[in-house]
Amino acid sequence: MTSTANPKAVVFFAALFPQFIDPALPFWPQFLVLSATYIAMDGAFLTGYGAGAHWLSQRLKGEARRWLDRIGGSCMILAAVLLGMKNAASR
């Protein structure tokens, strides 16, 4: 459902799906197979990312977790500052 609201996914499908659809065959069965394949692959990757994040969060405790939070927070602040500087420079 989230992919349907994502403009990048819509462009991706508009560029990718026509290459695999044979105009001589019925459209909907081909479209459903391609969609099911995408959903299965996306679900597998997202499950892998989630499992990896869970595994990492279980391993990082105490001081290591605190440093990871500090580094991650610092990167977010740096990204916000750089984005602010970019917008100020474009005016």
N, C-alpha and C. Protein backbone atom coordinates (compact mmCIF):
# COMPACT_ATOMS: atom_id res chain seq x y z
N MET A 1 0.82 -1.19 0.00
CA MET A 1 0.00 0.00 0.00
C MET A 1 0.87 1.26 0.00
N THR A 2 1.98 1.22 0.74
CA THR A 2 2.82 2.43 0.77
C THR A 2 3.48 2.70 -0.57
N SER A 3 3.75 1.65 -1.33
CA SER A 3 4.37 1.86 -2.64
C SER A 3 3.45 2.58 -3.61
N THR A 4 2.15 2.39 -3.47
CA THR A 4 1.22 3.05 -4.39
C THR A 4 1.18 4.55 -4.16
N ALA A 5 1.51 5.01 -2.96
CA ALA A 5 1.51 6.43 -2.66
C ALA A 5 2.87 7.07 -2.89
N ASN A 6 3.87 6.26 -3.22
CA ASN A 6 5.22 6.76 -3.41
C ASN A 6 5.42 7.09 -4.90
N PRO A 7 5.68 8.36 -5.23
CA PRO A 7 5.86 8.70 -6.64
C PRO A 7 7.03 7.97 -7.30
N LYS A 8 8.07 7.67 -6.54
CA LYS A 8 9.21 6.94 -7.11
C LYS A 8 8.79 5.54 -7.54
N ALA A 9 7.96 4.90 -6.74
CA ALA A 9 7.50 3.55 -7.09
C ALA A 9 6.62 3.58 -8.33
N VAL A 10 5.78 4.60 -8.44
CA VAL A 10 4.91 4.70 -9.62
C VAL A 10 5.76 4.87 -10.88
N VAL A 11 6.79 5.73 -10.82
CA VAL A 11 7.68 5.91 -11.97
C VAL A 11 8.45 4.62 -12.26
N PHE A 12 8.88 3.95 -11.21
CA PHE A 12 9.59 2.68 -11.37
C PHE A 12 8.73 1.67 -12.11
N PHE A 13 7.48 1.52 -11.69
CA PHE A 13 6.59 0.57 -12.34
C PHE A 13 6.26 1.00 -13.76
N ALA A 14 6.07 2.28 -13.98
CA ALA A 14 5.75 2.77 -15.33
C ALA A 14 6.92 2.51 -16.28
N ALA A 15 8.13 2.53 -15.78
CA ALA A 15 9.31 2.29 -16.62
C ALA A 15 9.62 0.80 -16.75
N LEU A 16 9.36 0.03 -15.71
CA LEU A 16 9.79 -1.37 -15.69
C LEU A 16 8.74 -2.33 -16.25
N PHE A 17 7.50 -2.20 -15.82
CA PHE A 17 6.48 -3.19 -16.19
C PHE A 17 6.28 -3.33 -17.69
N PRO A 18 6.22 -2.24 -18.47
CA PRO A 18 5.97 -2.43 -19.91
C PRO A 18 7.00 -3.31 -20.61
N GLN A 19 8.20 -3.37 -20.10
CA GLN A 19 9.23 -4.21 -20.72
C GLN A 19 8.93 -5.70 -20.59
N PHE A 20 8.11 -6.06 -19.61
CA PHE A 20 7.83 -7.46 -19.34
C PHE A 20 6.41 -7.87 -19.70
N ILE A 21 5.65 -6.96 -20.30
CA ILE A 21 4.27 -7.27 -20.66
C ILE A 21 4.20 -7.49 -22.17
N ASP A 22 3.72 -8.65 -22.54
CA ASP A 22 3.57 -9.01 -23.96
C ASP A 22 2.20 -8.52 -24.43
N PRO A 23 2.16 -7.60 -25.40
CA PRO A 23 0.87 -7.08 -25.85
C PRO A 23 -0.02 -8.13 -26.52
N ALA A 24 0.55 -9.23 -26.94
CA ALA A 24 -0.24 -10.29 -27.59
C ALA A 24 -1.01 -11.13 -26.57
N LEU A 25 -0.64 -11.04 -25.30
CA LEU A 25 -1.30 -11.84 -24.26
C LEU A 25 -2.20 -10.94 -23.41
N PRO A 26 -3.13 -11.53 -22.67
CA PRO A 26 -4.01 -10.72 -21.80
C PRO A 26 -3.18 -9.93 -20.76
N PHE A 27 -3.58 -8.68 -20.55
CA PHE A 27 -2.82 -7.77 -19.69
C PHE A 27 -2.90 -8.16 -18.22
N TRP A 28 -4.10 -8.36 -17.67
CA TRP A 28 -4.26 -8.51 -16.23
C TRP A 28 -3.53 -9.71 -15.62
N PRO A 29 -3.53 -10.87 -16.23
CA PRO A 29 -2.76 -11.96 -15.63
C PRO A 29 -1.26 -11.63 -15.54
N GLN A 30 -0.73 -11.00 -16.58
CA GLN A 30 0.69 -10.62 -16.55
C GLN A 30 0.95 -9.58 -15.46
N PHE A 31 0.07 -8.60 -15.38
CA PHE A 31 0.21 -7.55 -14.38
C PHE A 31 0.15 -8.13 -12.97
N LEU A 32 -0.77 -9.06 -12.74
CA LEU A 32 -0.90 -9.65 -11.41
C LEU A 32 0.33 -10.48 -11.04
N VAL A 33 0.90 -11.19 -11.99
CA VAL A 33 2.12 -11.97 -11.72
C VAL A 33 3.27 -11.03 -11.38
N LEU A 34 3.44 -9.97 -12.17
CA LEU A 34 4.51 -9.01 -11.89
C LEU A 34 4.31 -8.33 -10.54
N SER A 35 3.06 -7.97 -10.23
CA SER A 35 2.77 -7.31 -8.94
C SER A 35 3.03 -8.25 -7.77
N ALA A 36 2.60 -9.50 -7.90
CA ALA A 36 2.83 -10.47 -6.82
C ALA A 36 4.32 -10.71 -6.62
N THR A 37 5.06 -10.77 -7.72
CA THR A 37 6.51 -10.95 -7.61
C THR A 37 7.15 -9.77 -6.89
N TYR A 38 6.73 -8.56 -7.25
CA TYR A 38 7.27 -7.37 -6.59
C TYR A 38 6.94 -7.38 -5.10
N ILE A 39 5.70 -7.70 -4.75
CA ILE A 39 5.30 -7.70 -3.35
C ILE A 39 6.09 -8.74 -2.56
N ALA A 40 6.29 -9.92 -3.15
CA ALA A 40 7.06 -10.97 -2.47
C ALA A 40 8.51 -10.54 -2.26
N MET A 41 9.13 -9.98 -3.30
CA MET A 41 10.53 -9.54 -3.19
C MET A 41 10.66 -8.39 -2.20
N ASP A 42 9.76 -7.41 -2.28
CA ASP A 42 9.81 -6.27 -1.37
C ASP A 42 9.60 -6.73 0.06
N GLY A 43 8.65 -7.64 0.26
CA GLY A 43 8.41 -8.17 1.60
C GLY A 43 9.63 -8.90 2.15
N ALA A 44 10.30 -9.66 1.29
CA ALA A 44 11.50 -10.39 1.74
C ALA A 44 12.61 -9.41 2.13
N PHE A 45 12.82 -8.38 1.31
CA PHE A 45 13.86 -7.40 1.64
C PHE A 45 13.52 -6.63 2.92
N LEU A 46 12.27 -6.19 3.06
CA LEU A 46 11.89 -5.46 4.26
C LEU A 46 11.98 -6.33 5.51
N THR A 47 11.64 -7.61 5.37
CA THR A 47 11.78 -8.53 6.49
C THR A 47 13.25 -8.69 6.86
N GLY A 48 14.10 -8.78 5.86
CA GLY A 48 15.55 -8.87 6.12
C GLY A 48 16.09 -7.63 6.80
N TYR A 49 15.66 -6.46 6.33
CA TYR A 49 16.09 -5.22 6.98
C TYR A 49 15.62 -5.16 8.43
N GLY A 50 14.37 -5.55 8.64
CA GLY A 50 13.83 -5.54 10.00
C GLY A 50 14.56 -6.52 10.90
N ALA A 51 14.83 -7.71 10.39
CA ALA A 51 15.54 -8.73 11.18
C ALA A 51 16.96 -8.25 11.49
N GLY A 52 17.61 -7.62 10.51
CA GLY A 52 18.95 -7.09 10.75
C GLY A 52 18.95 -5.97 11.78
N ALA A 53 17.96 -5.09 11.71
CA ALA A 53 17.87 -4.01 12.68
C ALA A 53 17.59 -4.56 14.07
N HIS A 54 16.72 -5.57 14.16
CA HIS A 54 16.43 -6.19 15.46
C HIS A 54 17.68 -6.85 16.03
N TRP A 55 18.40 -7.59 15.17
CA TRP A 55 19.62 -8.25 15.62
C TRP A 55 20.63 -7.23 16.14
N LEU A 56 20.81 -6.14 15.38
CA LEU A 56 21.77 -5.12 15.78
C LEU A 56 21.34 -4.43 17.08
N SER A 57 20.05 -4.16 17.22
CA SER A 57 19.59 -3.49 18.44
C SER A 57 19.76 -4.37 19.67
N GLN A 58 19.69 -5.69 19.49
CA GLN A 58 19.91 -6.60 20.61
C GLN A 58 21.38 -6.66 21.01
N ARG A 59 22.28 -6.44 20.05
CA ARG A 59 23.72 -6.51 20.33
C ARG A 59 24.27 -5.22 20.90
N LEU A 60 23.66 -4.11 20.53
CA LEU A 60 24.16 -2.81 21.00
C LEU A 60 23.48 -2.42 22.30
N LYS A 61 24.20 -2.54 23.35
CA LYS A 61 23.68 -2.19 24.68
C LYS A 61 24.67 -1.27 25.36
N GLY A 62 24.21 -0.53 26.31
CA GLY A 62 25.08 0.29 27.13
C GLY A 62 25.82 1.37 26.37
N GLU A 63 27.14 1.40 26.56
CA GLU A 63 27.98 2.45 26.00
C GLU A 63 27.99 2.45 24.47
N ALA A 64 28.00 1.27 23.85
CA ALA A 64 28.00 1.20 22.39
C ALA A 64 26.72 1.81 21.83
N ARG A 65 25.60 1.56 22.46
CA ARG A 65 24.31 2.12 22.03
C ARG A 65 24.32 3.63 22.17
N ARG A 66 24.87 4.11 23.27
CA ARG A 66 24.93 5.55 23.53
C ARG A 66 25.76 6.25 22.45
N TRP A 67 26.90 5.65 22.08
CA TRP A 67 27.75 6.25 21.05
C TRP A 67 27.09 6.21 19.68
N LEU A 68 26.41 5.11 19.39
CA LEU A 68 25.69 5.03 18.11
C LEU A 68 24.60 6.10 18.04
N ASP A 69 23.88 6.30 19.13
CA ASP A 69 22.86 7.35 19.17
C ASP A 69 23.48 8.73 18.99
N ARG A 70 24.61 8.98 19.60
CA ARG A 70 25.28 10.28 19.47
C ARG A 70 25.75 10.51 18.03
N ILE A 71 26.36 9.49 17.45
CA ILE A 71 26.85 9.63 16.07
C ILE A 71 25.68 9.81 15.11
N GLY A 72 24.64 9.02 15.27
CA GLY A 72 23.46 9.14 14.42
C GLY A 72 22.79 10.50 14.55
N GLY A 73 22.65 10.98 15.80
CA GLY A 73 22.06 12.29 16.03
C GLY A 73 22.91 13.40 15.44
N SER A 74 24.21 13.29 15.57
CA SER A 74 25.11 14.29 15.00
C SER A 74 25.00 14.33 13.48
N CYS A 75 24.89 13.17 12.86
CA CYS A 75 24.72 13.13 11.40
C CYS A 75 23.42 13.78 10.98
N MET A 76 22.34 13.57 11.74
CA MET A 76 21.06 14.20 11.43
C MET A 76 21.15 15.72 11.57
N ILE A 77 21.79 16.18 12.62
CA ILE A 77 21.95 17.63 12.81
C ILE A 77 22.80 18.21 11.69
N LEU A 78 23.89 17.54 11.32
CA LEU A 78 24.74 18.01 10.23
C LEU A 78 23.96 18.08 8.92
N ALA A 79 23.14 17.05 8.65
CA ALA A 79 22.33 17.05 7.43
C ALA A 79 21.34 18.22 7.43
N ALA A 80 20.74 18.51 8.58
CA ALA A 80 19.80 19.63 8.67
C ALA A 80 20.51 20.96 8.45
N VAL A 81 21.70 21.12 9.02
CA VAL A 81 22.46 22.36 8.83
C VAL A 81 22.85 22.52 7.37
N LEU A 82 23.35 21.46 6.76
CA LEU A 82 23.74 21.54 5.34
C LEU A 82 22.53 21.84 4.45
N LEU A 83 21.40 21.24 4.75
CA LEU A 83 20.18 21.52 3.98
C LEU A 83 19.75 22.97 4.17
N GLY A 84 19.86 23.49 5.38
CA GLY A 84 19.52 24.88 5.65
C GLY A 84 20.47 25.83 4.91
N MET A 85 21.74 25.47 4.88
CA MET A 85 22.71 26.32 4.18
C MET A 85 22.46 26.29 2.66
N LYS A 86 22.04 25.16 2.14
CA LYS A 86 21.75 25.05 0.72
C LYS A 86 20.56 25.93 0.36
N ASN A 87 19.51 25.88 1.17
CA ASN A 87 18.34 26.69 0.91
C ASN A 87 18.63 28.18 1.05
N ALA A 88 19.48 28.56 2.01
CA ALA A 88 19.83 29.96 2.20
C ALA A 88 20.67 30.47 1.03
N ALA A 89 21.53 29.61 0.49
CA ALA A 89 22.41 30.01 -0.60
C ALA A 89 21.65 30.15 -1.92
N SER A 90 20.53 29.43 -2.05
CA SER A 90 19.79 29.48 -3.32
C SER A 90 18.86 30.68 -3.40
N ARG A 91 18.73 31.45 -2.34
CA ARG A 91 17.83 32.63 -2.36
C ARG A 91 18.47 33.78 -2.99
